[in-house]
Amino acid sequence: MRHARAPALAQLAALLGQLRTLPGMAERRPGVFYRRSQPFLHFHEDPAGLFADLRLVAGEDFARFAVDCSAQKAALVAAVSAALTAGSAAPAAPATSAAAGARARA
């Protein structure tokens, strides 16, 4: 499954317009959104249709959403909004090896 190219993104223009109004993420390239410095949302095209990959929880894998019909697009916008709201607090910094080792010995 390849990342969505310009013709596929053109089909998603209204959806992308909605997503661009949501605070808390930045579109670094067309259809590729980041939250802080981490990839957050991007789109794929496939013979089976168009899909969005959304990172619901920082540091975890992406969840895939079909975005071919208006109901699917609305579900994605709701999921993005919820993920942005849930992730409004700054994520904890990952532990370094030394710090993790010190905690394990404590």
PDB file of N, CA and C in Angstrom:
ATOM      1  N   MET A   1       0.851  -1.169   0.000  1.00  0.00           N
ATOM      2  CA  MET A   1       0.000   0.000   0.000  1.00  0.00           C
ATOM      3  C   MET A   1       0.899   1.234   0.000  1.00  0.00           C
ATOM      4  N   ARG A   2       0.707   2.086  -0.961  1.00  0.00           N
ATOM      5  CA  ARG A   2       1.586   3.251  -1.099  1.00  0.00           C
ATOM      6  C   ARG A   2       0.973   4.479  -0.448  1.00  0.00           C
ATOM      7  N   HIS A   3       1.853   5.429  -0.105  1.00  0.00           N
ATOM      8  CA  HIS A   3       1.356   6.697   0.410  1.00  0.00           C
ATOM      9  C   HIS A   3       0.559   7.388  -0.680  1.00  0.00           C
ATOM     10  N   ALA A   4      -0.462   8.105  -0.274  1.00  0.00           N
ATOM     11  CA  ALA A   4      -1.356   8.773  -1.220  1.00  0.00           C
ATOM     12  C   ALA A   4      -0.600   9.846  -2.000  1.00  0.00           C
ATOM     13  N   ARG A   5      -0.818   9.832  -3.308  1.00  0.00           N
ATOM     14  CA  ARG A   5      -0.225  10.838  -4.191  1.00  0.00           C
ATOM     15  C   ARG A   5      -1.253  11.942  -4.438  1.00  0.00           C
ATOM     16  N   ALA A   6      -0.857  12.944  -5.182  1.00  0.00           N
ATOM     17  CA  ALA A   6      -1.687  14.134  -5.407  1.00  0.00           C
ATOM     18  C   ALA A   6      -3.105  13.817  -5.899  1.00  0.00           C
ATOM     19  N   PRO A   7      -3.299  12.927  -6.888  1.00  0.00           N
ATOM     20  CA  PRO A   7      -4.682  12.658  -7.325  1.00  0.00           C
ATOM     21  C   PRO A   7      -5.554  12.057  -6.211  1.00  0.00           C
ATOM     22  N   ALA A   8      -4.969  11.195  -5.399  1.00  0.00           N
ATOM     23  CA  ALA A   8      -5.730  10.605  -4.287  1.00  0.00           C
ATOM     24  C   ALA A   8      -6.035  11.667  -3.232  1.00  0.00           C
ATOM     25  N   LEU A   9      -5.052  12.524  -2.945  1.00  0.00           N
ATOM     26  CA  LEU A   9      -5.278  13.581  -1.969  1.00  0.00           C
ATOM     27  C   LEU A   9      -6.326  14.573  -2.462  1.00  0.00           C
ATOM     28  N   ALA A  10      -6.392  14.772  -3.772  1.00  0.00           N
ATOM     29  CA  ALA A  10      -7.412  15.667  -4.329  1.00  0.00           C
ATOM     30  C   ALA A  10      -8.816  15.136  -4.035  1.00  0.00           C
ATOM     31  N   GLN A  11      -8.960  13.813  -4.023  1.00  0.00           N
ATOM     32  CA  GLN A  11     -10.255  13.207  -3.681  1.00  0.00           C
ATOM     33  C   GLN A  11     -10.621  13.447  -2.219  1.00  0.00           C
ATOM     34  N   LEU A  12      -9.627  13.741  -1.419  1.00  0.00           N
ATOM     35  CA  LEU A  12      -9.824  13.942   0.015  1.00  0.00           C
ATOM     36  C   LEU A  12      -9.772  15.423   0.402  1.00  0.00           C
ATOM     37  N   ALA A  13      -9.916  16.320  -0.564  1.00  0.00           N
ATOM     38  CA  ALA A  13      -9.740  17.754  -0.318  1.00  0.00           C
ATOM     39  C   ALA A  13     -10.629  18.269   0.816  1.00  0.00           C
ATOM     40  N   ALA A  14     -11.898  17.911   0.811  1.00  0.00           N
ATOM     41  CA  ALA A  14     -12.801  18.396   1.865  1.00  0.00           C
ATOM     42  C   ALA A  14     -12.388  17.853   3.235  1.00  0.00           C
ATOM     43  N   LEU A  15     -12.021  16.582   3.289  1.00  0.00           N
ATOM     44  CA  LEU A  15     -11.567  15.976   4.536  1.00  0.00           C
ATOM     45  C   LEU A  15     -10.293  16.663   5.024  1.00  0.00           C
ATOM     46  N   LEU A  16      -9.346  16.863   4.129  1.00  0.00           N
ATOM     47  CA  LEU A  16      -8.101  17.530   4.508  1.00  0.00           C
ATOM     48  C   LEU A  16      -8.371  18.947   5.002  1.00  0.00           C
ATOM     49  N   GLY A  17      -9.332  19.620   4.387  1.00  0.00           N
ATOM     50  CA  GLY A  17      -9.708  20.955   4.842  1.00  0.00           C
ATOM     51  C   GLY A  17     -10.214  20.938   6.273  1.00  0.00           C
ATOM     52  N   GLN A  18     -11.036  19.951   6.594  1.00  0.00           N
ATOM     53  CA  GLN A  18     -11.529  19.804   7.977  1.00  0.00           C
ATOM     54  C   GLN A  18     -10.384  19.538   8.938  1.00  0.00           C
ATOM     55  N   LEU A  19      -9.506  18.628   8.554  1.00  0.00           N
ATOM     56  CA  LEU A  19      -8.398  18.252   9.430  1.00  0.00           C
ATOM     57  C   LEU A  19      -7.461  19.432   9.668  1.00  0.00           C
ATOM     58  N   ARG A  20      -7.259  20.263   8.669  1.00  0.00           N
ATOM     59  CA  ARG A  20      -6.355  21.409   8.811  1.00  0.00           C
ATOM     60  C   ARG A  20      -6.861  22.433   9.818  1.00  0.00           C
ATOM     61  N   THR A  21      -8.143  22.401  10.138  1.00  0.00           N
ATOM     62  CA  THR A  21      -8.694  23.353  11.113  1.00  0.00           C
ATOM     63  C   THR A  21      -8.496  22.892  12.547  1.00  0.00           C
ATOM     64  N   LEU A  22      -8.128  21.640  12.746  1.00  0.00           N
ATOM     65  CA  LEU A  22      -7.971  21.112  14.103  1.00  0.00           C
ATOM     66  C   LEU A  22      -6.646  21.577  14.703  1.00  0.00           C
ATOM     67  N   PRO A  23      -6.678  22.116  15.914  1.00  0.00           N
ATOM     68  CA  PRO A  23      -5.430  22.548  16.550  1.00  0.00           C
ATOM     69  C   PRO A  23      -4.643  21.361  17.094  1.00  0.00           C
ATOM     70  N   GLY A  24      -3.333  21.525  17.147  1.00  0.00           N
ATOM     71  CA  GLY A  24      -2.500  20.514  17.789  1.00  0.00           C
ATOM     72  C   GLY A  24      -1.711  19.631  16.854  1.00  0.00           C
ATOM     73  N   MET A  25      -1.856  19.845  15.550  1.00  0.00           N
ATOM     74  CA  MET A  25      -1.048  19.071  14.596  1.00  0.00           C
ATOM     75  C   MET A  25      -0.664  19.994  13.453  1.00  0.00           C
ATOM     76  N   ALA A  26       0.423  19.653  12.785  1.00  0.00           N
ATOM     77  CA  ALA A  26       0.931  20.458  11.678  1.00  0.00           C
ATOM     78  C   ALA A  26       1.081  19.580  10.445  1.00  0.00           C
ATOM     79  N   GLU A  27       0.704  20.113   9.310  1.00  0.00           N
ATOM     80  CA  GLU A  27       0.831  19.386   8.042  1.00  0.00           C
ATOM     81  C   GLU A  27       2.187  19.741   7.439  1.00  0.00           C
ATOM     82  N   ARG A  28       3.111  18.805   7.492  1.00  0.00           N
ATOM     83  CA  ARG A  28       4.469  19.058   7.000  1.00  0.00           C
ATOM     84  C   ARG A  28       4.579  18.899   5.493  1.00  0.00           C
ATOM     85  N   ARG A  29       3.802  17.972   4.954  1.00  0.00           N
ATOM     86  CA  ARG A  29       3.680  17.771   3.504  1.00  0.00           C
ATOM     87  C   ARG A  29       2.199  17.554   3.250  1.00  0.00           C
ATOM     88  N   PRO A  30       1.744  17.732   2.036  1.00  0.00           N
ATOM     89  CA  PRO A  30       0.314  17.518   1.795  1.00  0.00           C
ATOM     90  C   PRO A  30      -0.138  16.130   2.272  1.00  0.00           C
ATOM     91  N   GLY A  31      -1.107  16.134   3.190  1.00  0.00           N
ATOM     92  CA  GLY A  31      -1.660  14.886   3.687  1.00  0.00           C
ATOM     93  C   GLY A  31      -0.833  14.174   4.736  1.00  0.00           C
ATOM     94  N   VAL A  32       0.228  14.790   5.208  1.00  0.00           N
ATOM     95  CA  VAL A  32       1.090  14.188   6.236  1.00  0.00           C
ATOM     96  C   VAL A  32       1.139  15.143   7.425  1.00  0.00           C
ATOM     97  N   PHE A  33       0.542  14.717   8.536  1.00  0.00           N
ATOM     98  CA  PHE A  33       0.411  15.554   9.719  1.00  0.00           C
ATOM     99  C   PHE A  33       1.292  15.027  10.844  1.00  0.00           C
ATOM    100  N   TYR A  34       1.873  15.963  11.583  1.00  0.00           N
ATOM    101  CA  TYR A  34       2.708  15.639  12.738  1.00  0.00           C
ATOM    102  C   TYR A  34       2.095  16.267  13.977  1.00  0.00           C
ATOM    103  N   ARG A  35       2.269  15.596  15.085  1.00  0.00           N
ATOM    104  CA  ARG A  35       1.919  16.141  16.407  1.00  0.00           C
ATOM    105  C   ARG A  35       3.225  16.229  17.161  1.00  0.00           C
ATOM    106  N   ARG A  36       3.553  17.428  17.558  1.00  0.00           N
ATOM    107  CA  ARG A  36       4.881  17.720  18.096  1.00  0.00           C
ATOM    108  C   ARG A  36       5.897  17.282  17.041  1.00  0.00           C
ATOM    109  N   SER A  37       6.814  16.432  17.357  1.00  0.00           N
ATOM    110  CA  SER A  37       7.808  16.026  16.353  1.00  0.00           C
ATOM    111  C   SER A  37       7.545  14.622  15.815  1.00  0.00           C
ATOM    112  N   GLN A  38       6.387  14.055  16.143  1.00  0.00           N
ATOM    113  CA  GLN A  38       6.096  12.668  15.765  1.00  0.00           C
ATOM    114  C   GLN A  38       5.057  12.584  14.648  1.00  0.00           C
ATOM    115  N   PRO A  39       5.249  11.663  13.694  1.00  0.00           N
ATOM    116  CA  PRO A  39       4.202  11.438  12.688  1.00  0.00           C
ATOM    117  C   PRO A  39       2.900  11.061  13.387  1.00  0.00           C
ATOM    118  N   PHE A  40       1.796  11.668  12.923  1.00  0.00           N
ATOM    119  CA  PHE A  40       0.515  11.493  13.600  1.00  0.00           C
ATOM    120  C   PHE A  40      -0.566  10.951  12.664  1.00  0.00           C
ATOM    121  N   LEU A  41      -0.595  11.445  11.430  1.00  0.00           N
ATOM    122  CA  LEU A  41      -1.654  11.075  10.499  1.00  0.00           C
ATOM    123  C   LEU A  41      -1.137  11.192   9.075  1.00  0.00           C
ATOM    124  N   HIS A  42      -1.394  10.165   8.269  1.00  0.00           N
ATOM    125  CA  HIS A  42      -1.058  10.222   6.845  1.00  0.00           C
ATOM    126  C   HIS A  42      -2.015   9.309   6.087  1.00  0.00           C
ATOM    127  N   PHE A  43      -1.956   9.372   4.774  1.00  0.00           N
ATOM    128  CA  PHE A  43      -2.932   8.675   3.941  1.00  0.00           C
ATOM    129  C   PHE A  43      -2.252   7.720   2.976  1.00  0.00           C
ATOM    130  N   HIS A  44      -2.986   6.658   2.637  1.00  0.00           N
ATOM    131  CA  HIS A  44      -2.530   5.640   1.688  1.00  0.00           C
ATOM    132  C   HIS A  44      -3.575   5.448   0.601  1.00  0.00           C
ATOM    133  N   GLU A  45      -3.099   5.009  -0.550  1.00  0.00           N
ATOM    134  CA  GLU A  45      -4.006   4.614  -1.624  1.00  0.00           C
ATOM    135  C   GLU A  45      -3.720   3.164  -1.975  1.00  0.00           C
ATOM    136  N   ASP A  46      -4.774   2.469  -2.337  1.00  0.00           N
ATOM    137  CA  ASP A  46      -4.695   1.042  -2.605  1.00  0.00           C
ATOM    138  C   ASP A  46      -5.841   0.700  -3.550  1.00  0.00           C
ATOM    139  N   PRO A  47      -5.729  -0.356  -4.331  1.00  0.00           N
ATOM    140  CA  PRO A  47      -6.877  -0.745  -5.158  1.00  0.00           C
ATOM    141  C   PRO A  47      -8.161  -0.949  -4.352  1.00  0.00           C
ATOM    142  N   ALA A  48      -8.023  -1.265  -3.067  1.00  0.00           N
ATOM    143  CA  ALA A  48      -9.199  -1.457  -2.210  1.00  0.00           C
ATOM    144  C   ALA A  48      -9.805  -0.133  -1.759  1.00  0.00           C
ATOM    145  N   GLY A  49      -9.105   0.981  -1.944  1.00  0.00           N
ATOM    146  CA  GLY A  49      -9.634   2.285  -1.564  1.00  0.00           C
ATOM    147  C   GLY A  49      -8.583   3.176  -0.935  1.00  0.00           C
ATOM    148  N   LEU A  50      -9.074   4.229  -0.292  1.00  0.00           N
ATOM    149  CA  LEU A  50      -8.205   5.189   0.389  1.00  0.00           C
ATOM    150  C   LEU A  50      -8.266   4.932   1.884  1.00  0.00           C
ATOM    151  N   PHE A  51      -7.129   5.098   2.540  1.00  0.00           N
ATOM    152  CA  PHE A  51      -7.013   4.798   3.957  1.00  0.00           C
ATOM    153  C   PHE A  51      -6.206   5.877   4.654  1.00  0.00           C
ATOM    154  N   ALA A  52      -6.488   6.061   5.940  1.00  0.00           N
ATOM    155  CA  ALA A  52      -5.718   6.966   6.788  1.00  0.00           C
ATOM    156  C   ALA A  52      -5.079   6.141   7.894  1.00  0.00           C
ATOM    157  N   ASP A  53      -3.839   6.456   8.194  1.00  0.00           N
ATOM    158  CA  ASP A  53      -3.154   5.863   9.345  1.00  0.00           C
ATOM    159  C   ASP A  53      -3.052   6.941  10.409  1.00  0.00           C
ATOM    160  N   LEU A  54      -3.596   6.661  11.580  1.00  0.00           N
ATOM    161  CA  LEU A  54      -3.644   7.614  12.682  1.00  0.00           C
ATOM    162  C   LEU A  54      -2.990   6.996  13.905  1.00  0.00           C
ATOM    163  N   ARG A  55      -2.090   7.753  14.513  1.00  0.00           N
ATOM    164  CA  ARG A  55      -1.467   7.296  15.761  1.00  0.00           C
ATOM    165  C   ARG A  55      -2.363   7.750  16.910  1.00  0.00           C
ATOM    166  N   LEU A  56      -3.138   6.830  17.443  1.00  0.00           N
ATOM    167  CA  LEU A  56      -4.101   7.152  18.498  1.00  0.00           C
ATOM    168  C   LEU A  56      -3.419   7.460  19.823  1.00  0.00           C
ATOM    169  N   VAL A  57      -2.303   6.777  20.096  1.00  0.00           N
ATOM    170  CA  VAL A  57      -1.563   6.956  21.341  1.00  0.00           C
ATOM    171  C   VAL A  57      -0.096   7.153  20.991  1.00  0.00           C
ATOM    172  N   ALA A  58       0.497   8.198  21.542  1.00  0.00           N
ATOM    173  CA  ALA A  58       1.907   8.489  21.270  1.00  0.00           C
ATOM    174  C   ALA A  58       2.766   7.267  21.565  1.00  0.00           C
ATOM    175  N   GLY A  59       3.667   6.964  20.655  1.00  0.00           N
ATOM    176  CA  GLY A  59       4.591   5.856  20.839  1.00  0.00           C
ATOM    177  C   GLY A  59       4.058   4.501  20.421  1.00  0.00           C
ATOM    178  N   GLU A  60       2.794   4.420  20.039  1.00  0.00           N
ATOM    179  CA  GLU A  60       2.222   3.142  19.607  1.00  0.00           C
ATOM    180  C   GLU A  60       2.056   3.125  18.099  1.00  0.00           C
ATOM    181  N   ASP A  61       1.688   1.973  17.554  1.00  0.00           N
ATOM    182  CA  ASP A  61       1.508   1.827  16.114  1.00  0.00           C
ATOM    183  C   ASP A  61       0.290   2.606  15.637  1.00  0.00           C
ATOM    184  N   PHE A  62       0.269   2.829  14.332  1.00  0.00           N
ATOM    185  CA  PHE A  62      -0.852   3.522  13.709  1.00  0.00           C
ATOM    186  C   PHE A  62      -2.072   2.604  13.627  1.00  0.00           C
ATOM    187  N   ALA A  63      -3.245   3.212  13.706  1.00  0.00           N
ATOM    188  CA  ALA A  63      -4.508   2.522  13.452  1.00  0.00           C
ATOM    189  C   ALA A  63      -4.959   2.925  12.057  1.00  0.00           C
ATOM    190  N   ARG A  64      -5.480   1.992  11.307  1.00  0.00           N
ATOM    191  CA  ARG A  64      -5.884   2.257   9.919  1.00  0.00           C
ATOM    192  C   ARG A  64      -7.392   2.492   9.843  1.00  0.00           C
ATOM    193  N   PHE A  65      -7.771   3.541   9.112  1.00  0.00           N
ATOM    194  CA  PHE A  65      -9.169   3.911   8.899  1.00  0.00           C
ATOM    195  C   PHE A  65      -9.434   3.994   7.403  1.00  0.00           C
ATOM    196  N   ALA A  66     -10.476   3.356   6.934  1.00  0.00           N
ATOM    197  CA  ALA A  66     -10.929   3.549   5.553  1.00  0.00           C
ATOM    198  C   ALA A  66     -11.542   4.941   5.474  1.00  0.00           C
ATOM    199  N   VAL A  67     -11.337   5.624   4.338  1.00  0.00           N
ATOM    200  CA  VAL A  67     -11.883   6.981   4.184  1.00  0.00           C
ATOM    201  C   VAL A  67     -12.516   7.152   2.805  1.00  0.00           C
ATOM    202  N   ASP A  68     -13.321   6.176   2.412  1.00  0.00           N
ATOM    203  CA  ASP A  68     -13.943   6.226   1.087  1.00  0.00           C
ATOM    204  C   ASP A  68     -15.319   6.888   1.075  1.00  0.00           C
ATOM    205  N   CYS A  69     -16.060   6.841   2.169  1.00  0.00           N
ATOM    206  CA  CYS A  69     -17.403   7.428   2.179  1.00  0.00           C
ATOM    207  C   CYS A  69     -17.485   8.480   3.287  1.00  0.00           C
ATOM    208  N   SER A  70     -18.556   9.252   3.279  1.00  0.00           N
ATOM    209  CA  SER A  70     -18.675  10.352   4.241  1.00  0.00           C
ATOM    210  C   SER A  70     -18.721   9.848   5.683  1.00  0.00           C
ATOM    211  N   ALA A  71     -19.351   8.717   5.929  1.00  0.00           N
ATOM    212  CA  ALA A  71     -19.402   8.179   7.289  1.00  0.00           C
ATOM    213  C   ALA A  71     -18.001   7.805   7.777  1.00  0.00           C
ATOM    214  N   GLN A  72     -17.192   7.219   6.902  1.00  0.00           N
ATOM    215  CA  GLN A  72     -15.824   6.846   7.275  1.00  0.00           C
ATOM    216  C   GLN A  72     -14.977   8.092   7.521  1.00  0.00           C
ATOM    217  N   LYS A  73     -15.187   9.114   6.716  1.00  0.00           N
ATOM    218  CA  LYS A  73     -14.439  10.366   6.896  1.00  0.00           C
ATOM    219  C   LYS A  73     -14.827  11.023   8.216  1.00  0.00           C
ATOM    220  N   ALA A  74     -16.114  11.020   8.537  1.00  0.00           N
ATOM    221  CA  ALA A  74     -16.570  11.594   9.806  1.00  0.00           C
ATOM    222  C   ALA A  74     -15.982  10.822  10.986  1.00  0.00           C
ATOM    223  N   ALA A  75     -15.902   9.505  10.862  1.00  0.00           N
ATOM    224  CA  ALA A  75     -15.317   8.684  11.927  1.00  0.00           C
ATOM    225  C   ALA A  75     -13.838   9.030  12.120  1.00  0.00           C
ATOM    226  N   LEU A  76     -13.132   9.277  11.019  1.00  0.00           N
ATOM    227  CA  LEU A  76     -11.720   9.649  11.128  1.00  0.00           C
ATOM    228  C   LEU A  76     -11.583  10.997  11.829  1.00  0.00           C
ATOM    229  N   VAL A  77     -12.376  11.981  11.430  1.00  0.00           N
ATOM    230  CA  VAL A  77     -12.294  13.309  12.060  1.00  0.00           C
ATOM    231  C   VAL A  77     -12.569  13.185  13.561  1.00  0.00           C
ATOM    232  N   ALA A  78     -13.557  12.389  13.939  1.00  0.00           N
ATOM    233  CA  ALA A  78     -13.862  12.186  15.355  1.00  0.00           C
ATOM    234  C   ALA A  78     -12.688  11.528  16.081  1.00  0.00           C
ATOM    235  N   ALA A  79     -12.065  10.544  15.455  1.00  0.00           N
ATOM    236  CA  ALA A  79     -10.928   9.853  16.069  1.00  0.00           C
ATOM    237  C   ALA A  79      -9.732  10.785  16.204  1.00  0.00           C
ATOM    238  N   VAL A  80      -9.482  11.600  15.184  1.00  0.00           N
ATOM    239  CA  VAL A  80      -8.374  12.560  15.250  1.00  0.00           C
ATOM    240  C   VAL A  80      -8.634  13.553  16.376  1.00  0.00           C
ATOM    241  N   SER A  81      -9.842  14.083  16.444  1.00  0.00           N
ATOM    242  CA  SER A  81     -10.188  15.038  17.509  1.00  0.00           C
ATOM    243  C   SER A  81      -9.990  14.417  18.881  1.00  0.00           C
ATOM    244  N   ALA A  82     -10.452  13.186  19.046  1.00  0.00           N
ATOM    245  CA  ALA A  82     -10.307  12.501  20.327  1.00  0.00           C
ATOM    246  C   ALA A  82      -8.834  12.268  20.669  1.00  0.00           C
ATOM    247  N   ALA A  83      -8.041  11.869  19.683  1.00  0.00           N
ATOM    248  CA  ALA A  83      -6.618  11.622  19.926  1.00  0.00           C
ATOM    249  C   ALA A  83      -5.903  12.915  20.289  1.00  0.00           C
ATOM    250  N   LEU A  84      -6.276  14.015  19.641  1.00  0.00           N
ATOM    251  CA  LEU A  84      -5.649  15.298  19.955  1.00  0.00           C
ATOM    252  C   LEU A  84      -6.038  15.756  21.354  1.00  0.00           C
ATOM    253  N   THR A  85      -7.283  15.546  21.722  1.00  0.00           N
ATOM    254  CA  THR A  85      -7.750  15.929  23.059  1.00  0.00           C
ATOM    255  C   THR A  85      -7.095  15.067  24.128  1.00  0.00           C
ATOM    256  N   ALA A  86      -7.050  13.765  23.899  1.00  0.00           N
ATOM    257  CA  ALA A  86      -6.455  12.834  24.869  1.00  0.00           C
ATOM    258  C   ALA A  86      -4.963  13.082  25.017  1.00  0.00           C
ATOM    259  N   GLY A  87      -4.323  13.511  23.945  1.00  0.00           N
ATOM    260  CA  GLY A  87      -2.880  13.722  23.975  1.00  0.00           C
ATOM    261  C   GLY A  87      -2.496  15.154  24.236  1.00  0.00           C
ATOM    262  N   SER A  88      -3.404  15.953  24.820  1.00  0.00           N
ATOM    263  CA  SER A  88      -3.112  17.368  24.998  1.00  0.00           C
ATOM    264  C   SER A  88      -2.013  17.605  26.030  1.00  0.00           C
ATOM    265  N   ALA A  89      -1.844  16.691  26.961  1.00  0.00           N
ATOM    266  CA  ALA A  89      -0.732  16.804  27.906  1.00  0.00           C
ATOM    267  C   ALA A  89       0.532  16.327  27.226  1.00  0.00           C
ATOM    268  N   ALA A  90       1.631  16.939  27.548  1.00  0.00           N
ATOM    269  CA  ALA A  90       2.906  16.550  26.941  1.00  0.00           C
ATOM    270  C   ALA A  90       3.236  15.114  27.312  1.00  0.00           C
ATOM    271  N   PRO A  91       3.653  14.296  26.342  1.00  0.00           N
ATOM    272  CA  PRO A  91       4.008  12.909  26.661  1.00  0.00           C
ATOM    273  C   PRO A  91       5.271  12.847  27.499  1.00  0.00           C
ATOM    274  N   ALA A  92       5.365  11.842  28.304  1.00  0.00           N
ATOM    275  CA  ALA A  92       6.558  11.644  29.120  1.00  0.00           C
ATOM    276  C   ALA A  92       7.735  11.324  28.221  1.00  0.00           C
ATOM    277  N   ALA A  93       8.879  11.848  28.571  1.00  0.00           N
ATOM    278  CA  ALA A  93      10.086  11.569  27.804  1.00  0.00           C
ATOM    279  C   ALA A  93      10.480  10.117  28.013  1.00  0.00           C
ATOM    280  N   PRO A  94      10.943   9.448  26.945  1.00  0.00           N
ATOM    281  CA  PRO A  94      11.361   8.054  27.120  1.00  0.00           C
ATOM    282  C   PRO A  94      12.561   7.967  28.050  1.00  0.00           C
ATOM    283  N   ALA A  95      12.594   6.926  28.839  1.00  0.00           N
ATOM    284  CA  ALA A  95      13.695   6.728  29.779  1.00  0.00           C
ATOM    285  C   ALA A  95      14.954   6.350  29.019  1.00  0.00           C
ATOM    286  N   THR A  96      16.078   6.879  29.462  1.00  0.00           N
ATOM    287  CA  THR A  96      17.348   6.473  28.871  1.00  0.00           C
ATOM    288  C   THR A  96      17.770   5.166  29.514  1.00  0.00           C
ATOM    289  N   SER A  97      18.701   4.483  28.919  1.00  0.00           N
ATOM    290  CA  SER A  97      19.155   3.201  29.452  1.00  0.00           C
ATOM    291  C   SER A  97      19.696   3.343  30.870  1.00  0.00           C
ATOM    292  N   ALA A  98      20.473   4.392  31.115  1.00  0.00           N
ATOM    293  CA  ALA A  98      21.057   4.581  32.435  1.00  0.00           C
ATOM    294  C   ALA A  98      19.964   4.849  33.458  1.00  0.00           C
ATOM    295  N   ALA A  99      19.019   5.728  33.098  1.00  0.00           N
ATOM    296  CA  ALA A  99      17.939   6.037  34.031  1.00  0.00           C
ATOM    297  C   ALA A  99      17.066   4.821  34.297  1.00  0.00           C
ATOM    298  N   ALA A 100      16.785   4.052  33.266  1.00  0.00           N
ATOM    299  CA  ALA A 100      15.974   2.854  33.433  1.00  0.00           C
ATOM    300  C   ALA A 100      16.695   1.856  34.331  1.00  0.00           C
ATOM    301  N   GLY A 101      17.984   1.724  34.152  1.00  0.00           N
ATOM    302  CA  GLY A 101      18.757   0.812  34.983  1.00  0.00           C
ATOM    303  C   GLY A 101      18.778   1.251  36.439  1.00  0.00           C
ATOM    304  N   ALA A 102      18.882   2.565  36.669  1.00  0.00           N
ATOM    305  CA  ALA A 102      18.875   3.084  38.038  1.00  0.00           C
ATOM    306  C   ALA A 102      17.534   2.823  38.714  1.00  0.00           C
ATOM    307  N   ARG A 103      16.450   3.000  37.968  1.00  0.00           N
ATOM    308  CA  ARG A 103      15.123   2.743  38.538  1.00  0.00           C
ATOM    309  C   ARG A 103      14.958   1.269  38.839  1.00  0.00           C
ATOM    310  N   ALA A 104      15.489   0.399  38.001  1.00  0.00           N
ATOM    311  CA  ALA A 104      15.338  -1.040  38.195  1.00  0.00           C
ATOM    312  C   ALA A 104      16.097  -1.487  39.458  1.00  0.00           C
ATOM    313  N   ARG A 105      17.229  -0.818  39.751  1.00  0.00           N
ATOM    314  CA  ARG A 105      18.019  -1.189  40.932  1.00  0.00           C
ATOM    315  C   ARG A 105      17.421  -0.609  42.210  1.00  0.00           C
ATOM    316  N   ALA A 106      16.587   0.423  42.091  1.00  0.00           N
ATOM    317  CA  ALA A 106      16.038   1.102  43.289  1.00  0.00           C
ATOM    318  C   ALA A 106      15.018   0.261  43.996  1.00  0.00           C
TER     319      ALA A 106
END
